[in-house]
Protein backbone atom coordinates (compact mmCIF):
# COMPACT_ATOMS: atom_id res chain seq x y z
CA MET A 1 -13.78 -21.56 -30.71
CA SER A 2 -14.28 -18.11 -29.19
CA THR A 3 -12.82 -15.05 -30.91
CA ASP A 4 -13.59 -12.75 -27.99
CA PRO A 5 -10.32 -12.04 -26.12
CA TYR A 6 -12.20 -11.34 -22.88
CA LYS A 7 -13.91 -14.74 -23.00
CA ILE A 8 -10.67 -16.47 -23.96
CA LEU A 9 -8.93 -15.08 -20.85
CA GLY A 10 -12.04 -15.42 -18.70
CA VAL A 11 -12.12 -11.78 -17.63
CA ALA A 12 -14.76 -9.06 -17.67
CA LYS A 13 -14.66 -6.24 -20.20
CA THR A 14 -13.91 -3.92 -17.26
CA ALA A 15 -10.88 -5.98 -16.19
CA THR A 16 -7.79 -4.09 -15.10
CA GLN A 17 -4.39 -4.69 -16.68
CA ASP A 18 -3.35 -6.58 -13.55
CA GLU A 19 -6.37 -8.89 -13.81
CA ILE A 20 -5.68 -9.48 -17.51
CA ARG A 21 -2.03 -10.23 -16.81
CA LYS A 22 -2.85 -12.71 -14.02
CA ALA A 23 -5.42 -14.51 -16.18
CA TYR A 24 -2.94 -14.74 -19.06
CA ARG A 25 -0.14 -16.13 -16.89
CA LYS A 26 -2.43 -18.80 -15.44
CA LEU A 27 -3.72 -19.95 -18.83
CA ALA A 28 -0.31 -19.73 -20.52
CA LYS A 29 1.08 -22.12 -17.93
CA LYS A 30 -1.86 -24.51 -18.35
CA HIS A 31 -1.75 -24.72 -22.15
CA HIS A 32 1.94 -24.25 -22.94
CA PRO A 33 3.10 -26.85 -25.52
CA ASP A 34 6.06 -27.85 -23.36
CA LEU A 35 3.61 -29.08 -20.72
CA ASN A 36 1.31 -30.66 -23.30
CA PRO A 37 3.59 -32.33 -25.86
CA GLY A 38 1.73 -33.47 -28.96
CA ASP A 39 -1.57 -31.90 -27.81
CA LYS A 40 -2.70 -29.82 -30.79
CA LYS A 41 -5.76 -28.54 -28.94
CA ALA A 42 -3.61 -27.19 -26.09
CA GLU A 43 -1.24 -25.61 -28.62
CA GLU A 44 -4.09 -23.83 -30.40
CA GLN A 45 -5.52 -22.67 -27.09
CA PHE A 46 -2.11 -21.37 -26.08
CA LYS A 47 -1.96 -19.33 -29.30
CA LEU A 48 -5.43 -17.93 -28.65
CA VAL A 49 -4.53 -17.00 -25.08
CA SER A 50 -1.38 -15.28 -26.35
CA MET A 51 -3.33 -13.35 -29.00
CA ALA A 52 -5.96 -12.30 -26.49
CA HIS A 53 -3.34 -11.03 -24.04
CA ASP A 54 -1.38 -9.29 -26.78
CA LEU A 55 -4.46 -7.36 -27.82
CA LEU A 56 -5.89 -6.53 -24.40
CA SER A 57 -2.54 -5.47 -22.93
CA ASP A 58 -2.23 -2.79 -25.64
CA ALA A 59 -4.50 0.08 -24.55
CA GLU A 60 -4.94 1.47 -28.06
CA LYS A 61 -5.77 -1.88 -29.68
CA ARG A 62 -8.04 -2.82 -26.80
CA ALA A 63 -9.98 0.40 -27.27
CA ARG A 64 -10.28 -0.24 -31.02
CA PHE A 65 -11.54 -3.77 -30.37
CA ASP A 66 -14.08 -2.50 -27.83
CA ARG A 67 -15.35 -0.04 -30.44
CA GLY A 68 -15.70 -2.85 -32.96
CA GLU A 69 -13.03 -1.47 -35.29
CA ILE A 70 -10.76 -4.55 -35.24
CA ASP A 71 -11.11 -8.23 -34.45
CA ILE A 72 -8.93 -10.43 -32.23
CA HIS A 73 -6.41 -10.77 -35.09
CA GLY A 74 -5.97 -7.02 -35.22
CA GLN A 75 -7.71 -6.77 -38.59
CA GLU A 76 -10.16 -4.04 -39.36
CA GLN A 77 -13.64 -5.44 -39.36
CA GLY A 78 -14.69 -6.43 -42.86
CA PHE A 79 -11.10 -6.36 -44.22
CA ALA A 80 -10.10 -9.48 -46.11
CA GLY A 81 -6.48 -10.51 -46.09
CA GLY A 82 -3.81 -11.60 -43.69
CA GLY A 83 -1.63 -8.63 -42.95
CA SER A 84 -2.03 -8.52 -39.15
CA ARG A 85 0.72 -9.58 -36.81
CA TYR A 86 -1.98 -11.11 -34.61
CA GLN A 87 -2.74 -13.58 -37.36
CA ARG A 88 0.94 -14.46 -37.49
CA HIS A 89 1.14 -14.91 -33.72
CA GLY A 90 1.97 -18.59 -34.08
CA ASP A 91 5.07 -18.13 -36.21
CA GLY A 92 7.46 -18.88 -33.35
CA SER A 93 8.58 -22.38 -32.40
CA GLN A 94 6.18 -22.58 -29.46
CA GLY A 95 3.43 -20.23 -30.48
CA PHE A 96 5.29 -16.90 -30.33
CA ARG A 97 6.79 -14.86 -33.15
CA TYR A 98 10.33 -13.58 -32.69
CA SER A 99 12.02 -10.43 -33.85
CA GLN A 100 15.48 -10.46 -35.40
CA GLN A 101 16.86 -9.72 -31.96
CA GLY A 102 15.37 -12.96 -30.66
CA GLY A 103 12.78 -11.48 -28.28
CA PRO A 104 9.08 -12.38 -28.35
CA GLN A 105 6.94 -9.63 -29.83
CA GLY A 106 3.89 -8.42 -27.95
CA ASN A 107 3.22 -6.80 -24.58
CA PHE A 108 4.82 -9.34 -22.26
CA SER A 109 6.58 -8.22 -19.11
CA GLU A 110 9.84 -9.73 -17.92
CA ASP A 111 7.97 -11.27 -14.95
CA ASP A 112 5.58 -13.04 -17.33
CA LEU A 113 8.42 -14.54 -19.30
CA GLN A 114 10.46 -15.53 -16.26
CA ASP A 115 7.47 -17.14 -14.57
CA ILE A 116 6.55 -19.29 -17.54
CA PHE A 117 10.15 -20.13 -18.44
CA SER A 118 10.85 -21.31 -14.88
CA MET A 119 8.43 -24.22 -15.34
CA PHE A 120 10.64 -25.78 -17.98
CA GLY A 121 13.85 -25.94 -15.97
CA GLY A 122 15.80 -23.55 -18.21
CA GLY A 123 17.16 -26.41 -20.32
CA ALA A 124 18.44 -25.83 -23.84
CA GLY A 125 15.69 -25.98 -26.40
CA ARG A 126 12.96 -25.81 -23.77
CA GLY A 127 12.53 -22.11 -23.14
CA PRO A 128 11.47 -20.21 -26.25
CA PHE A 129 11.65 -16.92 -24.37
CA GLN A 130 15.44 -17.28 -24.08
CA GLN A 131 16.21 -17.81 -27.76
CA GLY A 132 18.87 -15.41 -29.00
CA GLY A 133 19.16 -13.87 -32.42
CA SER A 134 22.10 -16.15 -33.20
CA GLY A 135 20.10 -19.27 -32.47
CA GLY A 136 21.49 -19.76 -28.94
CA PHE A 137 20.01 -18.81 -25.58
CA ARG A 138 20.60 -15.55 -23.78
CA ALA A 139 21.38 -15.32 -20.08
CA GLN A 140 18.46 -15.45 -17.65
CA LYS A 141 18.65 -14.51 -13.98
CA GLY A 142 17.48 -17.24 -11.62
CA GLN A 143 14.06 -17.11 -10.02
CA ASP A 144 13.62 -15.55 -6.57
CA ARG A 145 12.49 -17.86 -3.77
CA ARG A 146 10.13 -16.79 -0.97
CA TYR A 147 10.22 -18.05 2.61
CA ASN A 148 8.56 -17.24 5.94
CA LEU A 149 10.48 -17.02 9.21
CA ASP A 150 9.03 -16.80 12.73
CA VAL A 151 11.24 -14.73 15.04
CA ASP A 152 11.04 -14.13 18.81
CA PHE A 153 10.27 -10.55 19.86
CA LEU A 154 13.54 -10.11 21.75
CA ASP A 155 15.54 -11.28 18.72
CA THR A 156 14.03 -8.44 16.66
CA VAL A 157 15.09 -5.96 19.38
CA ASN A 158 18.61 -7.26 19.92
CA GLY A 159 19.33 -8.84 16.53
CA THR A 160 20.39 -12.45 16.04
CA LYS A 161 21.14 -15.14 13.48
CA SER A 162 18.57 -17.75 12.51
CA ARG A 163 18.41 -20.71 10.17
CA ILE A 164 15.77 -21.73 7.65
CA ILE A 165 15.33 -25.37 6.67
CA LEU A 166 14.59 -25.40 2.94
CA PRO A 167 11.95 -27.67 1.37
CA GLY A 168 14.66 -29.71 -0.37
CA GLY A 169 16.48 -30.32 2.92
CA GLY A 170 19.10 -27.59 2.61
CA GLU A 171 19.69 -24.81 5.11
CA LEU A 172 19.90 -21.03 4.84
CA ASP A 173 21.46 -18.81 7.52
CA VAL A 174 19.67 -15.49 8.02
CA SER A 175 20.94 -12.46 9.98
CA ILE A 176 18.04 -10.75 11.80
CA PRO A 177 18.87 -7.01 11.97
CA VAL A 178 18.13 -4.96 15.07
CA GLY A 179 14.70 -3.33 14.92
CA ILE A 180 13.16 -5.38 12.11
CA GLU A 181 9.36 -5.29 12.20
CA ASP A 182 6.63 -7.84 11.63
CA GLY A 183 5.90 -8.29 7.91
CA GLN A 184 9.21 -6.85 6.69
CA VAL A 185 11.03 -8.76 3.95
CA LEU A 186 14.75 -9.55 3.98
CA ARG A 187 16.46 -10.03 0.61
CA LEU A 188 19.42 -12.39 0.46
CA LYS A 189 21.21 -11.76 -2.83
CA GLY A 190 22.03 -14.85 -4.87
CA LYS A 191 20.29 -17.31 -2.54
CA GLY A 192 17.44 -18.14 -4.94
CA ASP A 193 17.44 -20.41 -7.98
CA SER A 194 20.56 -20.68 -10.13
CA GLY A 195 20.76 -18.45 -13.18
CA PHE A 196 20.81 -19.79 -16.74
CA ASN A 197 23.73 -19.43 -19.12
CA ASN A 198 26.08 -17.82 -16.55
CA ALA A 199 23.47 -15.30 -15.38
CA PRO A 200 23.34 -14.45 -11.65
CA ALA A 201 21.21 -16.50 -9.29
CA GLY A 202 17.90 -15.19 -7.99
CA ASP A 203 17.40 -13.92 -4.45
CA ALA A 204 15.82 -15.39 -1.34
CA LEU A 205 13.02 -13.19 0.02
CA ILE A 206 12.38 -13.83 3.72
CA THR A 207 9.14 -12.49 5.24
CA ILE A 208 9.55 -11.95 8.99
CA HIS A 209 6.76 -12.88 11.40
CA VAL A 210 7.38 -11.63 14.96
CA ARG A 211 6.06 -13.77 17.80
CA PRO A 212 4.28 -11.69 20.48
CA HIS A 213 6.02 -11.37 23.85
CA GLU A 214 4.47 -12.17 27.21
CA TYR A 215 5.28 -8.73 28.66
CA PHE A 216 6.69 -6.37 26.05
CA LYS A 217 4.91 -4.42 23.32
CA ARG A 218 6.69 -2.28 20.74
CA GLU A 219 5.74 1.29 19.79
CA GLY A 220 8.17 2.52 17.16
CA ARG A 221 11.57 2.41 18.84
CA ASN A 222 10.05 2.43 22.32
CA ILE A 223 8.84 -0.57 24.31
CA ARG A 224 6.00 -0.73 26.83
CA LEU A 225 5.70 -3.01 29.82
CA THR A 226 3.05 -3.45 32.54
CA TRP A 227 4.62 -4.60 35.83
CA PRO A 228 3.30 -5.24 39.35
CA MET A 229 4.33 -3.59 42.66
CA ASP A 230 3.14 -4.36 46.17
CA LEU A 231 1.02 -1.98 48.24
CA LYS A 232 3.86 -0.99 50.54
CA THR A 233 6.02 0.14 47.63
CA ALA A 234 3.07 2.00 46.12
CA VAL A 235 2.49 3.92 49.36
CA LEU A 236 6.03 4.43 50.65
CA GLY A 237 8.05 4.15 47.44
CA GLY A 238 11.05 1.91 46.89
CA LYS A 239 12.81 -0.23 44.31
CA ILE A 240 11.36 -3.05 42.22
CA ASN A 241 13.11 -5.28 39.70
CA VAL A 242 11.71 -5.09 36.16
CA PRO A 243 12.72 -6.96 32.98
CA THR A 244 14.20 -5.16 29.97
CA PRO A 245 15.23 -6.59 26.56
CA LYS A 246 18.81 -6.66 27.86
CA GLY A 247 18.06 -8.14 31.27
CA GLU A 248 16.61 -7.20 34.66
CA VAL A 249 17.20 -3.76 36.23
CA ALA A 250 16.14 -1.99 39.46
CA LEU A 251 13.47 0.71 39.06
CA ASN A 252 12.91 3.47 41.63
CA VAL A 253 9.18 3.88 42.41
CA PRO A 254 8.17 7.23 43.94
CA ALA A 255 6.00 7.20 47.08
CA GLY A 256 2.27 7.45 46.37
CA SER A 257 2.43 5.72 42.98
CA ASP A 258 -0.86 4.20 41.89
CA THR A 259 -1.96 1.65 39.31
CA GLY A 260 -1.48 3.23 35.89
CA SER A 261 1.51 5.34 36.87
CA VAL A 262 4.11 5.24 34.09
CA LEU A 263 7.87 5.44 34.65
CA ARG A 264 10.51 5.73 31.93
CA LEU A 265 13.79 3.85 31.64
CA LYS A 266 15.75 5.94 29.15
CA GLY A 267 17.59 4.06 26.41
CA ARG A 268 16.14 0.68 27.39
CA GLY A 269 14.03 0.28 24.25
CA LEU A 270 15.44 -0.53 20.80
CA PRO A 271 19.21 0.11 20.58
CA ALA A 272 20.52 3.13 18.69
CA LYS A 273 20.95 2.56 14.95
CA GLY A 274 22.66 4.97 12.60
CA SER A 275 21.17 8.41 13.15
CA GLN A 276 18.32 6.97 15.25
CA GLU A 277 18.68 7.28 19.00
CA ALA A 278 17.95 4.38 21.34
CA GLY A 279 14.31 4.02 22.31
CA ASP A 280 12.98 4.04 25.87
CA LEU A 281 11.19 1.47 28.03
CA TYR A 282 7.93 2.72 29.57
CA VAL A 283 6.78 0.79 32.63
CA SER A 284 3.10 0.98 33.63
CA LEU A 285 2.79 0.14 37.31
CA GLN A 286 0.05 -2.09 38.66
CA VAL A 287 -0.65 -2.52 42.38
CA LYS A 288 -0.81 -6.16 43.50
CA LEU A 289 -1.80 -6.80 47.10
CA GLY A 290 -0.33 -10.26 47.48
CA THR A 291 -0.46 -11.58 51.07
CA VAL A 292 -1.98 -8.88 53.28
CA ASP A 293 -0.22 -8.22 56.59
CA PRO A 294 -2.59 -8.82 59.59
CA ALA A 295 -1.50 -5.50 61.08
CA LEU A 296 -2.60 -3.71 57.92
CA GLU A 297 -5.95 -5.48 58.04
CA GLU A 298 -6.42 -4.39 61.65
CA PHE A 299 -5.39 -0.81 60.81
CA LEU A 300 -7.87 -0.60 57.96
CA ARG A 301 -10.62 -2.15 60.08
CA ASN A 302 -10.06 0.36 62.91
CA THR A 303 -9.95 3.22 60.39
CA SER A 304 -13.24 2.07 58.90
CA ASN A 305 -14.92 1.83 62.32
CA SER A 306 -13.61 5.30 63.25
CA ASP A 307 -15.10 6.81 60.08
CA GLN A 308 -18.51 5.37 60.88
CA LYS A 309 -18.73 7.00 64.33
């Protein structure tokens, strides 16, 4: 059985703390005695994984190991005896040693402990990480739950309410705030897993995915739109109806406007929010000929013939 903590965790000697932590969490889940009842091999492997993580997550001890000063048990090389706490790593009921305050010793983050404990349902006697100094179990906040929600573009501009169907068949109502952007995460307090021993429930974390719109594109608090106009309006000017997030409005087009001309509708972008003013809607005009009037064809033909003479 390997005594090299890097090999035990399956990481390189140049591994970052994040890589070490991820490897530990994966292996701790795989070999935990609660998931492998009666499997002595899994229990021993779990202890090794725990020792390896405990050593490598401590920068000073990791450096000493890399220099060959100590072994995986934390003993100085060539020292006989059993004084190291790494040798006593299996003193706890499931492979961890506990302090008088009931907490597992070693460099384990709260996320590590919560993640592993969540596999065992939080039942009494199942989660060694929750054992209190008095022999009971201390409170543990419920796990957060993550969800994805697709939202229409206009709903992110105007705000709305939506509903998520949960994997277990339940439902969760979500308020979509005005101006939320693609990739943002909404946190719904207390909508995750139930807490243990009267602790608060976890949260629901909703990642928003905005569906693209057929016409509109967002730029900060402004919105851009490309919209057609006929040749007569382009030459003589006039009014055209254009869509906005709040509905259709009439837009005045100056005479002589060409494709690419941009007109602004003030305050027709994202609504004002707090100290932020309402955004604007920028309309890029595009000339569309449509059905050409025969008189216009004749005029252009005569103009062309006149230029050639």
